[in-house]
Amino acid sequence: MVEIISVRFKDGGKEYYFNPKDIRFQVGDGVIVETARGTEYARCVQGNTMIDEIELTAPLRPVVRMATPEDAKTVEKNREREKRALSVCQQKIAEHGLDMKLVRAEYSFDGSKILFFFTSEGRVDFRALVKDLASTLHARIELRQIGVRDEAKLLGGLGICGKPFCCSQFLGEFQPVSIKMAKTQNLSLNPTKISGTCGRLMCCLKYEQEAYEDLVKHAPKQESFVETPDGAGTVCGINLLRQTAQVRLESDPDSPKTYHNCELCVVRSGKGKRPEGYVEPPLEELAKLRRVEDGETVTEEASLAAAIEAAFPSRERQAAPGEEERRSGGRRSRGHRSPRNDGEARPQQPEAEEPREERAGSGGSHRPSSRRRRRRPNKGGGKAQG
């Protein structure tokens, strides 16, 4: 076990572990630490904690010291200097005619280095700009190109939900988001509705993706042919969160009805032709799928499964995860071998064939074509005598 503290250099940024060196820190305390960019000021977001060394991905850097009120004043002074550096850099970019958008400027804690963040559609040759900025600001200059998602994280703002950006508040790393997530959640594929301010797909599509994937497994597909307590029909709409489906009945196709997933028996999954030779069971048998208590429709998986198997012994219904394995556990699979009295297993043979004993006693040795006869080694070491 090793003692660590967790700090952040920016609001909503990543958390980094440091060795407190037997100093007690509280949440919100200022910390002076040594990083690859030099001495930096950070905020403690988690006090002294013991963790396993296996969780560490790199050796811990020690904390230099606890921050003082003078260090906080230095940080505020650097923030004022960043505003002037940002305006100077924008002016120099216009003079050099570079196609780049300046996003932010950051001073190091000791003020010896300035880091500029910018976005651009392509590569930019800014070597002349760096020399001009270094002679004007009298500090080391570093320019770093970032993407549009990082730009939104640095600038901040309000999303279409009315709340601040998730990336600028609590997201330490960007998660990959695909258009498939929007399709799974039945969202509109209009880019203006599923894209954030940065122009990319919204990060919040990732939050509920696992829940939607689990609900899809228990829901019938669109255009599936199903049996309901009111007759057979085709699925024309699905509500994953409510676990219901709208079915267009063959008896009344103009007014779809809503049923719970447990009330449906899937005859054909997905879009296709009507099953050949399909005969719709009587409505009296279909009505057994529904049990009414106190005037309300109540469905239970246990009683529903028994009713379906009793009403449709030859039909398949949409089974819950793991139910198919339980059903097939007691069935005999094709090619099943029945045990003999002497413990040897052999495949079942038709009754018209001769008994094995008669074939074996016909004068020659019987050996199956699938086996290769094994020759006995000659103990004498020479050739076999004829």
Protein backbone atom coordinates (compact mmCIF):
# COMPACT_ATOMS: atom_id res chain seq x y z
CA MET A 1 0.00 0.00 0.00
CA VAL A 2 1.12 3.54 -0.75
CA GLU A 3 -0.25 6.92 0.35
CA ILE A 4 -1.34 9.34 -2.38
CA ILE A 5 -3.31 12.54 -2.94
CA SER A 6 -5.25 13.46 -6.08
CA VAL A 7 -4.92 16.92 -7.63
CA ARG A 8 -6.26 18.83 -10.64
CA PHE A 9 -4.57 21.63 -12.55
CA LYS A 10 -7.79 22.82 -14.25
CA ASP A 11 -11.47 22.67 -13.44
CA GLY A 12 -12.89 19.56 -15.06
CA GLY A 13 -9.44 18.27 -16.00
CA LYS A 14 -7.80 14.94 -15.29
CA GLU A 15 -6.81 13.84 -11.82
CA TYR A 16 -3.17 13.10 -11.07
CA TYR A 17 -1.65 11.23 -8.14
CA PHE A 18 1.24 12.61 -6.10
CA ASN A 19 3.16 11.50 -3.04
CA PRO A 20 2.16 13.77 -0.09
CA LYS A 21 5.44 13.11 1.80
CA ASP A 22 3.68 12.73 5.20
CA ILE A 23 1.84 16.05 4.78
CA ARG A 24 -1.88 16.06 5.50
CA PHE A 25 -3.98 17.67 2.75
CA GLN A 26 -7.68 18.50 2.65
CA VAL A 27 -9.96 18.86 -0.35
CA GLY A 28 -9.55 22.36 -1.81
CA ASP A 29 -6.02 22.98 -0.51
CA GLY A 30 -3.48 24.51 -2.88
CA VAL A 31 -0.51 22.30 -3.75
CA ILE A 32 2.82 23.08 -5.41
CA VAL A 33 4.03 20.07 -7.41
CA GLU A 34 6.82 19.29 -9.85
CA THR A 35 5.68 18.19 -13.35
CA ALA A 36 7.23 17.60 -16.76
CA ARG A 37 6.39 21.25 -17.60
CA GLY A 38 8.07 22.52 -14.43
CA THR A 39 6.68 23.73 -11.11
CA GLU A 40 2.90 24.04 -11.21
CA TYR A 41 0.05 25.08 -8.91
CA ALA A 42 -2.81 22.60 -8.42
CA ARG A 43 -5.87 21.99 -6.26
CA CYS A 44 -6.34 18.94 -4.08
CA VAL A 45 -9.53 17.04 -4.97
CA GLN A 46 -8.91 13.98 -2.75
CA GLY A 47 -7.05 13.95 0.54
CA ASN A 48 -4.52 11.42 1.81
CA THR A 49 -5.61 7.93 0.72
CA MET A 50 -3.99 4.52 0.79
CA ILE A 51 -4.14 2.54 -2.48
CA ASP A 52 -2.51 -0.60 -3.84
CA GLU A 53 0.72 -0.12 -5.78
CA ILE A 54 -0.75 -2.18 -8.65
CA GLU A 55 -3.15 0.68 -9.45
CA LEU A 56 -0.24 3.02 -10.18
CA THR A 57 0.74 3.27 -13.84
CA ALA A 58 3.86 5.39 -13.28
CA PRO A 59 6.16 6.27 -10.38
CA LEU A 60 4.74 8.91 -8.05
CA ARG A 61 6.22 12.38 -8.05
CA PRO A 62 6.53 13.99 -4.62
CA VAL A 63 4.69 17.12 -3.57
CA VAL A 64 7.02 20.12 -3.27
CA ARG A 65 5.06 21.90 -0.55
CA MET A 66 1.67 23.21 0.44
CA ALA A 67 0.67 26.40 -1.34
CA THR A 68 0.75 29.72 0.54
CA PRO A 69 -1.39 32.87 0.07
CA GLU A 70 1.48 34.37 -1.93
CA ASP A 71 1.28 31.46 -4.38
CA ALA A 72 -2.43 32.14 -4.88
CA LYS A 73 -1.63 35.78 -5.67
CA THR A 74 0.98 34.66 -8.19
CA VAL A 75 -1.62 32.51 -9.93
CA GLU A 76 -4.04 35.45 -10.16
CA LYS A 77 -1.28 37.64 -11.55
CA ASN A 78 -0.54 35.05 -14.24
CA ARG A 79 -4.23 35.05 -15.23
CA GLU A 80 -4.04 38.77 -15.91
CA ARG A 81 -0.87 38.34 -17.94
CA GLU A 82 -2.57 35.62 -20.02
CA LYS A 83 -5.16 38.11 -21.27
CA ARG A 84 -2.45 40.47 -22.57
CA ALA A 85 -0.50 37.56 -24.14
CA LEU A 86 -3.67 36.35 -25.88
CA SER A 87 -4.33 39.75 -27.48
CA VAL A 88 -0.70 40.10 -28.57
CA CYS A 89 -0.73 36.63 -30.14
CA GLN A 90 -3.96 37.37 -32.04
CA GLN A 91 -2.42 40.53 -33.42
CA LYS A 92 0.73 38.68 -34.54
CA ILE A 93 -1.35 35.94 -36.22
CA ALA A 94 -3.16 38.57 -38.27
CA GLU A 95 0.14 40.21 -39.25
CA HIS A 96 1.60 36.90 -40.46
CA GLY A 97 -1.64 35.94 -42.22
CA LEU A 98 -1.88 32.47 -40.69
CA ASP A 99 -5.03 30.36 -40.95
CA MET A 100 -5.41 29.47 -37.28
CA LYS A 101 -7.90 30.23 -34.52
CA LEU A 102 -6.40 31.07 -31.13
CA VAL A 103 -8.27 29.46 -28.22
CA ARG A 104 -6.37 30.05 -25.00
CA ALA A 105 -3.07 31.11 -23.47
CA GLU A 106 -1.56 29.66 -20.28
CA TYR A 107 1.38 30.91 -18.22
CA SER A 108 3.49 28.50 -16.22
CA PHE A 109 3.58 29.04 -12.46
CA ASP A 110 6.99 30.72 -12.52
CA GLY A 111 6.08 32.79 -15.62
CA SER A 112 8.98 31.56 -17.73
CA LYS A 113 6.86 29.78 -20.35
CA ILE A 114 3.64 30.57 -22.28
CA LEU A 115 1.54 27.87 -23.91
CA PHE A 116 -0.88 28.86 -26.70
CA PHE A 117 -3.70 26.55 -27.84
CA PHE A 118 -5.15 26.95 -31.34
CA THR A 119 -7.31 25.10 -33.86
CA SER A 120 -6.85 24.84 -37.60
CA GLU A 121 -8.17 22.72 -40.46
CA GLY A 122 -4.67 21.84 -41.65
CA ARG A 123 -1.01 22.14 -40.72
CA VAL A 124 0.34 25.60 -39.99
CA ASP A 125 3.94 26.79 -40.33
CA PHE A 126 4.24 29.06 -37.28
CA ARG A 127 8.04 29.18 -36.88
CA ALA A 128 8.20 32.89 -37.72
CA LEU A 129 5.30 33.55 -35.34
CA VAL A 130 7.12 31.84 -32.45
CA LYS A 131 10.22 34.00 -32.92
CA ASP A 132 8.12 37.17 -33.07
CA LEU A 133 6.20 36.26 -29.89
CA ALA A 134 9.35 35.32 -27.98
CA SER A 135 10.96 38.71 -28.72
CA THR A 136 7.78 40.56 -27.74
CA LEU A 137 6.73 38.67 -24.57
CA HIS A 138 10.28 37.73 -23.40
CA ALA A 139 9.37 34.17 -22.50
CA ARG A 140 9.55 30.67 -23.93
CA ILE A 141 6.72 30.12 -26.42
CA GLU A 142 4.95 26.84 -27.22
CA LEU A 143 2.04 26.52 -29.66
CA ARG A 144 -0.16 23.44 -29.52
CA GLN A 145 -2.85 22.49 -32.04
CA ILE A 146 -6.02 20.91 -30.57
CA GLY A 147 -9.31 19.54 -31.88
CA VAL A 148 -12.79 21.03 -31.75
CA ARG A 149 -13.82 18.89 -28.76
CA ASP A 150 -10.83 20.14 -26.77
CA GLU A 151 -11.72 23.68 -27.83
CA ALA A 152 -15.22 23.32 -26.34
CA LYS A 153 -13.71 21.90 -23.15
CA LEU A 154 -11.34 24.85 -22.73
CA LEU A 155 -13.86 27.58 -23.57
CA GLY A 156 -16.89 26.06 -21.81
CA GLY A 157 -20.51 27.01 -22.39
CA LEU A 158 -24.07 25.75 -22.15
CA GLY A 159 -25.41 22.74 -24.00
CA ILE A 160 -28.86 22.25 -25.55
CA CYS A 161 -29.99 20.78 -22.21
CA GLY A 162 -29.36 24.14 -20.52
CA LYS A 163 -26.49 22.88 -18.36
CA PRO A 164 -22.73 23.51 -18.68
CA PHE A 165 -20.76 21.24 -20.97
CA CYS A 166 -20.03 17.81 -19.48
CA CYS A 167 -16.49 17.95 -20.87
CA SER A 168 -15.74 21.20 -19.03
CA GLN A 169 -17.26 19.96 -15.75
CA PHE A 170 -16.42 16.34 -14.98
CA LEU A 171 -15.31 14.41 -18.08
CA GLY A 172 -11.62 13.68 -17.71
CA GLU A 173 -11.32 11.91 -21.08
CA PHE A 174 -13.45 11.93 -24.20
CA GLN A 175 -15.30 8.67 -24.88
CA PRO A 176 -15.82 7.46 -28.48
CA VAL A 177 -19.36 8.14 -29.71
CA SER A 178 -20.84 6.65 -32.91
CA ILE A 179 -23.99 7.17 -34.94
CA LYS A 180 -24.98 3.60 -34.06
CA MET A 181 -25.72 4.77 -30.51
CA ALA A 182 -28.25 7.28 -31.80
CA LYS A 183 -29.93 4.56 -33.89
CA THR A 184 -30.10 2.18 -30.93
CA GLN A 185 -31.75 4.86 -28.78
CA ASN A 186 -34.30 5.67 -31.53
CA LEU A 187 -33.12 9.28 -31.77
CA SER A 188 -33.52 11.54 -34.74
CA LEU A 189 -30.56 11.30 -37.10
CA ASN A 190 -30.73 15.03 -37.78
CA PRO A 191 -27.16 16.28 -37.13
CA THR A 192 -28.42 19.50 -35.53
CA LYS A 193 -30.27 17.52 -32.83
CA ILE A 194 -27.65 14.94 -31.87
CA SER A 195 -24.54 17.13 -32.21
CA GLY A 196 -23.05 19.34 -29.53
CA THR A 197 -21.70 22.85 -29.78
CA CYS A 198 -18.37 21.47 -30.97
CA GLY A 199 -20.06 19.94 -34.03
CA ARG A 200 -19.40 16.35 -32.94
CA LEU A 201 -21.90 13.81 -31.59
CA MET A 202 -22.96 14.61 -28.02
CA CYS A 203 -20.97 12.86 -25.30
CA CYS A 204 -24.16 12.09 -23.35
CA LEU A 205 -25.15 9.47 -25.97
CA LYS A 206 -22.63 7.20 -24.28
CA TYR A 207 -24.20 7.40 -20.83
CA GLU A 208 -27.27 5.18 -21.42
CA GLN A 209 -25.98 3.05 -24.29
CA GLU A 210 -25.51 -0.10 -22.17
CA ALA A 211 -29.06 0.16 -20.79
CA TYR A 212 -30.52 0.50 -24.29
CA GLU A 213 -28.50 -2.45 -25.58
CA ASP A 214 -29.93 -4.61 -22.80
CA LEU A 215 -33.51 -3.47 -23.55
CA VAL A 216 -33.11 -4.23 -27.26
CA LYS A 217 -32.40 -7.88 -26.45
CA HIS A 218 -35.85 -8.25 -24.84
CA ALA A 219 -37.84 -6.32 -27.45
CA PRO A 220 -39.20 -7.59 -30.81
CA LYS A 221 -37.78 -6.14 -34.00
CA GLN A 222 -39.60 -3.76 -36.29
CA GLU A 223 -41.95 -5.40 -38.83
CA SER A 224 -41.96 -8.67 -36.85
CA PHE A 225 -45.00 -10.91 -37.18
CA VAL A 226 -46.32 -11.61 -33.67
CA GLU A 227 -49.31 -13.10 -31.90
CA THR A 228 -51.14 -11.01 -29.33
CA PRO A 229 -54.11 -11.68 -27.03
CA ASP A 230 -56.27 -9.96 -29.68
CA GLY A 231 -54.92 -11.82 -32.71
CA ALA A 232 -51.92 -11.82 -35.05
CA GLY A 233 -50.34 -8.66 -36.37
CA THR A 234 -47.17 -6.81 -37.35
CA VAL A 235 -45.00 -4.66 -35.07
CA CYS A 236 -45.04 -1.05 -36.24
CA GLY A 237 -43.47 0.74 -33.25
CA ILE A 238 -41.27 0.00 -30.24
CA ASN A 239 -40.85 1.86 -26.94
CA LEU A 240 -37.68 0.51 -25.37
CA LEU A 241 -37.97 2.37 -22.07
CA ARG A 242 -41.56 1.27 -21.42
CA GLN A 243 -40.87 -2.20 -22.89
CA THR A 244 -43.96 -2.00 -25.07
CA ALA A 245 -44.65 -2.41 -28.78
CA GLN A 246 -47.33 -1.11 -31.13
CA VAL A 247 -48.90 -3.87 -33.21
CA ARG A 248 -51.03 -3.42 -36.35
CA LEU A 249 -53.54 -6.26 -36.10
CA GLU A 250 -54.66 -8.05 -39.24
CA SER A 251 -58.26 -7.77 -38.09
CA ASP A 252 -57.98 -3.98 -37.59
CA PRO A 253 -54.91 -2.57 -39.40
CA ASP A 254 -56.02 1.06 -39.17
CA SER A 255 -55.80 1.34 -35.36
CA PRO A 256 -52.58 -0.10 -33.87
CA LYS A 257 -52.69 -1.34 -30.30
CA THR A 258 -49.98 -1.27 -27.62
CA TYR A 259 -48.86 -4.42 -25.84
CA HIS A 260 -46.19 -5.26 -23.32
CA ASN A 261 -43.30 -7.34 -24.60
CA CYS A 262 -44.31 -10.23 -22.35
CA GLU A 263 -47.72 -10.40 -24.09
CA LEU A 264 -46.21 -11.01 -27.53
CA CYS A 265 -45.31 -14.32 -29.14
CA VAL A 266 -42.89 -13.78 -32.03
CA VAL A 267 -43.71 -15.93 -35.08
CA ARG A 268 -41.34 -14.20 -37.54
CA SER A 269 -38.54 -11.91 -36.31
CA GLY A 270 -37.91 -8.91 -38.51
CA LYS A 271 -39.23 -7.96 -41.92
CA GLY A 272 -40.20 -10.75 -44.33
CA LYS A 273 -43.00 -12.74 -45.88
CA ARG A 274 -45.85 -14.26 -43.98
CA PRO A 275 -44.90 -17.76 -42.79
CA GLU A 276 -46.21 -20.40 -45.20
CA GLY A 277 -48.90 -22.61 -43.79
CA TYR A 278 -49.41 -20.39 -40.77
CA VAL A 279 -52.81 -20.80 -39.12
CA GLU A 280 -53.84 -18.27 -36.52
CA PRO A 281 -54.97 -19.95 -33.29
CA PRO A 282 -58.44 -19.20 -31.87
CA LEU A 283 -58.86 -16.00 -29.91
CA GLU A 284 -59.89 -18.06 -26.89
CA GLU A 285 -56.41 -19.58 -26.78
CA LEU A 286 -54.73 -16.21 -27.34
CA ALA A 287 -56.75 -14.67 -24.52
CA LYS A 288 -55.00 -17.01 -22.08
CA LEU A 289 -51.93 -14.83 -22.43
CA ARG A 290 -53.65 -12.09 -20.45
CA ARG A 291 -54.65 -12.25 -16.80
CA VAL A 292 -56.90 -9.48 -15.43
CA GLU A 293 -56.89 -8.43 -11.80
CA ASP A 294 -58.97 -5.55 -10.39
CA GLY A 295 -59.77 -4.34 -13.90
CA GLU A 296 -56.10 -3.85 -14.89
CA THR A 297 -53.94 -5.92 -17.19
CA VAL A 298 -51.19 -7.71 -15.27
CA THR A 299 -48.50 -9.88 -16.89
CA GLU A 300 -46.18 -12.25 -15.07
CA GLU A 301 -43.39 -14.12 -16.81
CA ALA A 302 -43.95 -17.37 -14.91
CA SER A 303 -47.70 -17.66 -15.55
CA LEU A 304 -47.26 -16.23 -19.06
CA ALA A 305 -44.67 -18.85 -20.02
CA ALA A 306 -46.96 -21.64 -18.83
CA ALA A 307 -49.92 -20.19 -20.76
CA ILE A 308 -47.90 -19.86 -23.97
CA GLU A 309 -46.54 -23.39 -23.79
CA ALA A 310 -50.03 -24.75 -23.12
CA ALA A 311 -51.65 -22.72 -25.91
CA PHE A 312 -48.88 -23.04 -28.52
CA PRO A 313 -46.77 -26.14 -27.86
CA SER A 314 -45.27 -26.00 -31.38
CA ARG A 315 -44.50 -22.27 -31.45
CA GLU A 316 -41.51 -20.35 -30.15
CA ARG A 317 -41.85 -17.25 -28.08
CA GLN A 318 -39.24 -14.66 -27.17
CA ALA A 319 -37.39 -16.27 -24.27
CA ALA A 320 -35.57 -14.43 -21.53
CA PRO A 321 -31.73 -14.64 -21.43
CA GLY A 322 -30.67 -18.08 -20.21
CA GLU A 323 -34.15 -19.60 -20.67
CA GLU A 324 -33.26 -21.30 -23.96
CA GLU A 325 -30.37 -23.12 -22.28
CA ARG A 326 -32.67 -24.34 -19.52
CA ARG A 327 -35.17 -25.63 -22.06
CA SER A 328 -32.62 -27.51 -24.15
CA GLY A 329 -30.92 -28.98 -21.09
CA GLY A 330 -33.31 -31.92 -20.80
CA ARG A 331 -33.65 -32.67 -24.54
CA ARG A 332 -31.71 -35.34 -26.34
CA SER A 333 -29.52 -33.84 -29.04
CA ARG A 334 -29.07 -35.32 -32.51
CA GLY A 335 -26.45 -38.05 -32.55
CA HIS A 336 -27.09 -38.98 -28.92
CA ARG A 337 -25.27 -42.12 -27.78
CA SER A 338 -27.11 -44.46 -25.45
CA PRO A 339 -25.00 -46.34 -22.87
CA ARG A 340 -24.61 -50.11 -23.18
CA ASN A 341 -24.54 -52.51 -20.30
CA ASP A 342 -20.76 -52.94 -20.52
CA GLY A 343 -20.23 -49.15 -20.35
CA GLU A 344 -19.28 -48.74 -24.05
CA ALA A 345 -21.20 -46.17 -26.10
CA ARG A 346 -22.30 -46.91 -29.65
CA PRO A 347 -24.58 -45.05 -32.11
CA GLN A 348 -28.15 -46.28 -32.49
CA GLN A 349 -28.63 -48.51 -35.55
CA PRO A 350 -31.74 -49.29 -37.59
CA GLU A 351 -33.63 -52.45 -36.73
CA ALA A 352 -33.26 -53.84 -40.28
CA GLU A 353 -29.50 -54.29 -39.95
CA GLU A 354 -27.94 -57.54 -38.87
CA PRO A 355 -26.82 -57.99 -35.31
CA ARG A 356 -23.19 -57.19 -34.63
CA GLU A 357 -22.44 -60.71 -33.37
CA GLU A 358 -23.58 -62.36 -36.64
CA ARG A 359 -21.36 -60.13 -38.78
CA ALA A 360 -18.39 -60.73 -36.53
CA GLY A 361 -18.77 -64.51 -36.83
CA SER A 362 -19.01 -64.67 -40.61
CA GLY A 363 -15.38 -65.72 -41.00
CA GLY A 364 -13.59 -62.38 -41.36
CA SER A 365 -12.82 -59.64 -38.88
CA HIS A 366 -15.13 -56.63 -39.19
CA ARG A 367 -13.55 -53.21 -38.85
CA PRO A 368 -15.27 -49.83 -39.42
CA SER A 369 -14.12 -47.76 -42.39
CA SER A 370 -13.54 -44.71 -40.15
CA ARG A 371 -10.81 -46.47 -38.13
CA ARG A 372 -7.33 -47.39 -39.31
CA ARG A 373 -6.00 -50.79 -38.41
CA ARG A 374 -3.01 -50.54 -36.12
CA ARG A 375 -0.10 -52.81 -36.99
CA ARG A 376 1.71 -54.57 -34.18
CA PRO A 377 5.44 -53.88 -33.96
CA ASN A 378 7.83 -56.71 -34.78
CA LYS A 379 9.72 -57.61 -31.63
CA GLY A 380 12.52 -59.31 -33.56
CA GLY A 381 13.48 -56.14 -35.33
CA GLY A 382 13.59 -57.80 -38.76
CA LYS A 383 11.07 -58.22 -41.53
CA ALA A 384 7.87 -60.07 -40.85
CA GLN A 385 7.84 -63.69 -41.98
CA GLY A 386 5.19 -64.62 -44.49
